[in-house]
Amino acid sequence: MEITSSYLFVYGTLLINGNQYAVYLQKHCKLVGEGKIKGRLYDIGQYPGAIIDANAQQYIHGSIYLMDNVENVLEIIDEYEGLGSDEPQPYEYTRRVVYIETNNGIVACWVYLYNWDVHHFPEVSGGKYLDHINLNGKI
């Protein structure tokens, strides 16, 4: 049985006010709250990449949204994340359901995870992308 969810966990550019896809999420989803997952977050340049690692000493922090129409929302966000049929393989990101920790328990959420090599990218200390780009003057 395939695991599915009506929730989406976002940790990067989809948290930035004014990003057209963040605006789309705000119109078609309900913000549920904050969440985190053990792993490492990397600064890929204009956006971050998340790698889940249950043995990591830090968390990737983000927000959880409840999607109003899962299929439509994921189709739009897939396009944004480069998962279209015209994109080169392997995709830079993969989408899968993971378990996100919240103050109220665990929530199964769709998340976009980085799928390419990260060894030459700097790690985002603290796992919070918005703090990182504010600190480094990227906004």
Protein backbone atom coordinates (compact mmCIF):
# COMPACT_ATOMS: atom_id res chain seq x y z
CA MET A 1 0.00 0.00 0.00
CA GLU A 2 1.44 3.36 -1.03
CA ILE A 3 1.85 5.90 1.77
CA THR A 4 0.20 9.20 1.01
CA SER A 5 -0.60 12.40 2.84
CA SER A 6 -2.56 15.63 2.60
CA TYR A 7 0.27 17.49 4.33
CA LEU A 8 3.29 19.22 2.81
CA PHE A 9 6.47 20.10 4.72
CA VAL A 10 8.40 23.07 3.30
CA TYR A 11 11.80 24.26 4.52
CA GLY A 12 13.24 26.63 1.90
CA THR A 13 12.22 29.17 -0.70
CA LEU A 14 8.54 28.27 -0.29
CA LEU A 15 8.76 30.04 3.08
CA ILE A 16 9.85 33.36 1.54
CA ASN A 17 7.18 36.07 1.45
CA GLY A 18 6.55 37.17 -2.12
CA ASN A 19 7.69 33.93 -3.76
CA GLN A 20 4.88 33.25 -6.25
CA TYR A 21 4.72 29.56 -5.31
CA ALA A 22 4.63 30.43 -1.60
CA VAL A 23 1.70 32.71 -2.40
CA TYR A 24 0.07 29.79 -4.25
CA LEU A 25 0.50 27.58 -1.16
CA GLN A 26 -1.00 30.26 1.08
CA LYS A 27 -4.09 30.37 -1.18
CA HIS A 28 -4.50 26.59 -1.54
CA CYS A 29 -3.33 25.29 1.81
CA LYS A 30 -3.81 25.88 5.50
CA LEU A 31 -0.71 26.51 7.59
CA VAL A 32 -0.80 23.87 10.31
CA GLY A 33 2.38 24.79 12.19
CA GLU A 34 6.07 24.24 12.52
CA GLY A 35 7.89 20.93 12.20
CA LYS A 36 11.33 19.39 12.03
CA ILE A 37 13.13 16.27 10.90
CA LYS A 38 16.63 14.98 11.60
CA GLY A 39 18.94 15.71 8.72
CA ARG A 40 21.22 18.21 7.07
CA LEU A 41 20.31 21.30 5.09
CA TYR A 42 22.65 22.65 2.41
CA ASP A 43 22.94 26.01 0.67
CA ILE A 44 22.75 25.02 -3.01
CA GLY A 45 23.02 28.65 -4.17
CA GLN A 46 19.62 30.23 -4.82
CA TYR A 47 17.81 27.60 -2.73
CA PRO A 48 18.46 24.89 -0.13
CA GLY A 49 18.63 21.13 -0.37
CA ALA A 50 17.58 18.79 2.44
CA ILE A 51 19.07 15.39 3.14
CA ILE A 52 17.30 13.27 5.76
CA ASP A 53 19.60 11.47 8.18
CA ALA A 54 18.17 9.78 11.28
CA ASN A 55 21.67 9.85 12.81
CA ALA A 56 22.18 13.59 12.30
CA GLN A 57 22.80 15.75 15.33
CA GLN A 58 20.63 18.57 13.97
CA TYR A 59 17.23 19.12 12.46
CA ILE A 60 15.83 20.62 9.29
CA HIS A 61 13.14 23.10 10.36
CA GLY A 62 10.14 24.15 8.33
CA SER A 63 6.39 24.61 8.10
CA ILE A 64 3.59 22.11 7.57
CA TYR A 65 0.67 22.89 5.27
CA LEU A 66 -2.61 21.01 4.85
CA MET A 67 -3.32 20.98 1.09
CA ASP A 68 -6.88 21.66 -0.10
CA ASN A 69 -6.45 19.56 -3.26
CA VAL A 70 -3.43 17.29 -2.93
CA GLU A 71 -3.13 16.29 -6.58
CA ASN A 72 -3.38 19.87 -7.91
CA VAL A 73 -1.06 21.39 -5.30
CA LEU A 74 1.60 18.70 -5.76
CA GLU A 75 1.43 19.08 -9.54
CA ILE A 76 2.16 22.82 -9.24
CA ILE A 77 4.92 22.36 -6.65
CA ASP A 78 6.44 19.47 -8.64
CA GLU A 79 6.87 21.94 -11.50
CA TYR A 80 8.53 24.45 -9.17
CA GLU A 81 10.87 21.77 -7.77
CA GLY A 82 11.94 20.58 -11.22
CA LEU A 83 10.05 17.28 -11.39
CA GLY A 84 8.51 17.90 -14.81
CA SER A 85 8.76 15.39 -17.64
CA ASP A 86 11.06 17.76 -19.57
CA GLU A 87 13.60 17.96 -16.72
CA PRO A 88 16.90 16.05 -16.93
CA GLN A 89 17.25 12.76 -15.05
CA PRO A 90 18.04 12.11 -12.33
CA TYR A 91 15.88 14.88 -10.89
CA GLU A 92 17.58 17.36 -8.58
CA TYR A 93 14.81 16.71 -6.04
CA THR A 94 12.62 13.75 -5.18
CA ARG A 95 9.25 13.95 -3.48
CA ARG A 96 8.34 11.46 -0.80
CA VAL A 97 6.33 11.07 2.38
CA VAL A 98 8.35 11.39 5.60
CA TYR A 99 7.47 11.67 9.26
CA ILE A 100 7.84 15.21 10.63
CA GLU A 101 8.14 15.95 14.35
CA THR A 102 5.80 18.62 15.75
CA ASN A 103 4.89 19.82 19.24
CA ASN A 104 1.69 17.75 18.90
CA GLY A 105 3.25 14.50 17.65
CA ILE A 106 4.35 13.04 14.32
CA VAL A 107 2.77 14.06 10.99
CA ALA A 108 3.29 12.20 7.70
CA CYS A 109 4.09 14.87 5.11
CA TRP A 110 5.19 15.12 1.51
CA VAL A 111 8.63 16.74 1.29
CA TYR A 112 11.07 17.54 -1.51
CA LEU A 113 14.51 16.12 -0.78
CA TYR A 114 17.76 16.93 -2.54
CA ASN A 115 18.83 14.10 -4.86
CA TRP A 116 22.27 15.18 -6.11
CA ASP A 117 25.72 15.23 -4.51
CA VAL A 118 26.08 17.85 -1.74
CA HIS A 119 29.74 17.46 -0.77
CA HIS A 120 30.76 20.80 -2.32
CA PHE A 121 27.89 22.85 -0.83
CA PRO A 122 28.02 24.52 2.59
CA GLU A 123 25.78 23.13 5.30
CA VAL A 124 23.16 25.49 6.74
CA SER A 125 24.03 25.72 10.42
CA GLY A 126 20.96 25.29 12.61
CA GLY A 127 18.83 23.86 9.79
CA LYS A 128 16.71 27.00 9.33
CA TYR A 129 16.92 28.35 5.78
CA LEU A 130 15.26 31.72 6.45
CA ASP A 131 17.69 32.45 9.31
CA HIS A 132 20.56 31.47 7.02
CA ILE A 133 19.59 33.75 4.13
CA ASN A 134 18.81 36.65 6.46
CA LEU A 135 22.21 36.24 8.10
CA ASN A 136 23.99 36.01 4.74
CA GLY A 137 22.11 38.87 3.05
CA LYS A 138 20.38 36.73 0.42
CA ILE A 139 16.94 38.29 0.90
